[in-house]
Amino acid sequence: MFHFKSKEGLLRDVMQELNLRLQRSLGTLVAARHSSRTSAAPLKLFWEWAIRKENLPSLRLLYEAQIIAMQNPAQYGPYLKKASSDWHVLALQLMSASSKKDSLATLSIAVFDGLLLELMATGDRRRLTAALDDFILIARHAVGRSQA
C-alpha cells in the first residue's frame, strides 16, 4: 500500500503494465512476421500467441481487472479510455494501407475481445480459432470490395 497508495492505484498499475506487455508482444510478433515473410494477419499471430497456455493467465487477469474497473468509472474511466485508445492506435499501425480504417480497427479489437472471453468461458480453441479465421477472411473480402 505504501507504493500504490490504494487498492485502486495497484489495480490501475497492474492493468497498465499488462497492457504494455501485451502491446509489446504483439509488436514483436509482427516484426518477426516481416522477417520471416509470413502472410499471416497480425490478428491471427496475436491470437495464436494469446491462446497458448502460458499466456492465457495474463490475459485472464487483465480482462478480470478491466471488468472490475468498469464498475467504478469515476476511478478508472480515464485509464480504460486510454487503454482502449492505445489498442486502437496499435491496431491501425498494424493494418495495411489498403485496410486502414477506424471502423475495421475497432471491429478487429471487439472480435478479438469477444473470442478471447468465449475461450476463457469454454476452452474451445478449435471453434474459436475457426471463427477468427472466418472474420479475417470476411474483413479481407470487405476491404477488397471497398477498393473496387
Protein backbone atom coordinates (compact mmCIF):
# COMPACT_ATOMS: atom_id res chain seq x y z
CA MET A 1 0.00 0.00 0.00
CA PHE A 2 2.96 2.31 0.56
CA HIS A 3 3.92 2.33 -3.13
CA PHE A 4 0.45 2.30 -4.70
CA LYS A 5 -1.36 4.41 -2.06
CA SER A 6 -4.61 2.48 -2.58
CA LYS A 7 -6.18 -0.70 -3.93
CA GLU A 8 -7.29 1.33 -6.94
CA GLY A 9 -3.74 2.51 -7.60
CA LEU A 10 -2.48 -1.06 -7.50
CA LEU A 11 -5.19 -2.27 -9.87
CA ARG A 12 -4.59 0.61 -12.30
CA ASP A 13 -0.82 -0.02 -12.36
CA VAL A 14 -1.28 -3.77 -12.86
CA MET A 15 -3.67 -3.20 -15.78
CA GLN A 16 -1.37 -0.62 -17.33
CA GLU A 17 1.66 -2.93 -17.08
CA LEU A 18 -0.24 -5.89 -18.53
CA ASN A 19 -1.46 -3.77 -21.44
CA LEU A 20 2.06 -2.54 -22.17
CA ARG A 21 3.46 -6.08 -22.09
CA LEU A 22 0.72 -7.35 -24.41
CA GLN A 23 1.23 -4.49 -26.85
CA ARG A 24 4.99 -5.12 -26.90
CA SER A 25 4.36 -8.82 -27.51
CA LEU A 26 2.14 -8.00 -30.46
CA GLY A 27 4.78 -5.66 -31.87
CA THR A 28 7.41 -8.37 -31.53
CA LEU A 29 5.18 -10.89 -33.29
CA VAL A 30 4.54 -8.55 -36.19
CA ALA A 31 8.25 -7.70 -36.52
CA ALA A 32 9.04 -11.43 -36.61
CA ARG A 33 6.35 -11.86 -39.27
CA HIS A 34 8.09 -9.34 -41.51
CA SER A 35 11.47 -11.01 -41.12
CA SER A 36 10.06 -14.49 -41.83
CA ARG A 37 7.89 -13.23 -44.72
CA THR A 38 4.78 -14.99 -43.49
CA SER A 39 1.45 -13.69 -44.75
CA ALA A 40 -0.44 -14.35 -41.51
CA ALA A 41 -2.58 -11.44 -40.38
CA PRO A 42 -1.35 -9.64 -37.25
CA LEU A 43 -4.67 -10.50 -35.58
CA LYS A 44 -4.08 -14.21 -36.24
CA LEU A 45 -0.50 -14.04 -34.94
CA PHE A 46 -1.66 -12.34 -31.75
CA TRP A 47 -4.49 -14.86 -31.32
CA GLU A 48 -2.10 -17.79 -31.65
CA TRP A 49 0.19 -16.19 -29.08
CA ALA A 50 -2.68 -15.29 -26.72
CA ILE A 51 -4.26 -18.74 -26.61
CA ARG A 52 -1.07 -20.51 -25.57
CA LYS A 53 -1.48 -22.00 -22.11
CA GLU A 54 1.38 -19.92 -20.71
CA ASN A 55 -0.08 -16.60 -21.94
CA LEU A 56 -3.77 -17.05 -21.22
CA PRO A 57 -3.48 -16.44 -17.44
CA SER A 58 -2.08 -12.92 -18.00
CA LEU A 59 -4.90 -12.11 -20.40
CA ARG A 60 -7.46 -13.54 -18.00
CA LEU A 61 -6.07 -11.31 -15.23
CA LEU A 62 -6.22 -8.25 -17.49
CA TYR A 63 -9.82 -8.90 -18.54
CA GLU A 64 -10.90 -9.61 -14.95
CA ALA A 65 -9.24 -6.40 -13.74
CA GLN A 66 -10.86 -4.39 -16.52
CA ILE A 67 -14.30 -5.76 -15.68
CA ILE A 68 -13.75 -4.73 -12.05
CA ALA A 69 -12.56 -1.30 -13.23
CA MET A 70 -15.69 -0.81 -15.37
CA GLN A 71 -17.74 -0.98 -12.18
CA ASN A 72 -16.06 2.21 -10.96
CA PRO A 73 -15.86 4.61 -13.94
CA ALA A 74 -15.14 7.62 -11.74
CA GLN A 75 -11.91 5.96 -10.55
CA TYR A 76 -10.86 4.01 -13.64
CA GLY A 77 -12.60 5.74 -16.56
CA PRO A 78 -9.53 7.67 -17.74
CA TYR A 79 -7.36 4.51 -17.62
CA LEU A 80 -9.95 2.47 -19.53
CA LYS A 81 -10.31 5.13 -22.23
CA LYS A 82 -6.53 5.42 -22.62
CA ALA A 83 -6.09 1.65 -22.83
CA SER A 84 -8.82 1.46 -25.47
CA SER A 85 -7.24 4.31 -27.42
CA ASP A 86 -3.77 2.73 -27.22
CA TRP A 87 -5.07 -0.59 -28.62
CA HIS A 88 -6.93 1.27 -31.36
CA VAL A 89 -3.80 3.19 -32.39
CA LEU A 90 -1.76 -0.03 -32.39
CA ALA A 91 -4.36 -1.85 -34.48
CA LEU A 92 -4.30 0.95 -37.05
CA GLN A 93 -0.50 0.91 -37.16
CA LEU A 94 -0.51 -2.82 -37.90
CA MET A 95 -3.09 -2.63 -40.68
CA SER A 96 -2.03 -2.46 -44.30
CA ALA A 97 -2.52 0.87 -46.01
CA SER A 98 -5.44 -0.54 -48.01
CA SER A 99 -7.30 -1.73 -44.91
CA LYS A 100 -6.52 1.15 -42.53
CA LYS A 101 -9.94 2.23 -41.27
CA ASP A 102 -11.03 3.25 -37.78
CA SER A 103 -14.12 1.08 -38.01
CA LEU A 104 -12.16 -2.02 -39.05
CA ALA A 105 -9.63 -1.48 -36.24
CA THR A 106 -12.49 -1.16 -33.74
CA LEU A 107 -14.22 -4.25 -35.12
CA SER A 108 -10.98 -6.29 -35.03
CA ILE A 109 -10.41 -5.41 -31.37
CA ALA A 110 -14.02 -6.23 -30.49
CA VAL A 111 -13.87 -9.58 -32.28
CA PHE A 112 -10.62 -10.48 -30.54
CA ASP A 113 -12.01 -9.49 -27.13
CA GLY A 114 -15.23 -11.41 -27.67
CA LEU A 115 -13.49 -14.54 -28.89
CA LEU A 116 -11.00 -14.42 -26.04
CA LEU A 117 -13.77 -14.06 -23.45
CA GLU A 118 -15.56 -17.01 -25.06
CA LEU A 119 -12.31 -19.01 -24.94
CA MET A 120 -11.93 -18.27 -21.24
CA ALA A 121 -15.50 -19.42 -20.67
CA THR A 122 -15.46 -22.56 -22.83
CA GLY A 123 -11.86 -23.53 -23.56
CA ASP A 124 -12.90 -24.33 -27.16
CA ARG A 125 -9.75 -23.27 -29.02
CA ARG A 126 -10.61 -25.05 -32.27
CA ARG A 127 -14.05 -23.49 -32.77
CA LEU A 128 -12.95 -20.01 -31.77
CA THR A 129 -9.82 -20.10 -33.93
CA ALA A 130 -12.02 -21.10 -36.88
CA ALA A 131 -14.29 -18.14 -36.09
CA LEU A 132 -11.28 -15.79 -36.07
CA ASP A 133 -10.12 -17.21 -39.40
CA ASP A 134 -13.59 -16.55 -40.86
CA PHE A 135 -13.55 -12.98 -39.54
CA ILE A 136 -10.16 -12.34 -41.18
CA LEU A 137 -11.48 -13.69 -44.50
CA ILE A 138 -14.59 -11.55 -44.26
CA ALA A 139 -12.54 -8.45 -43.40
CA ARG A 140 -10.13 -9.07 -46.30
CA HIS A 141 -13.06 -9.54 -48.67
CA ALA A 142 -14.73 -6.35 -47.45
CA VAL A 143 -11.51 -4.36 -47.88
CA GLY A 144 -11.04 -5.76 -51.38
CA ARG A 145 -14.63 -4.84 -52.33
CA SER A 146 -14.31 -1.29 -50.98
CA GLN A 147 -11.32 -0.66 -53.26
CA ALA A 148 -13.05 -1.88 -56.39
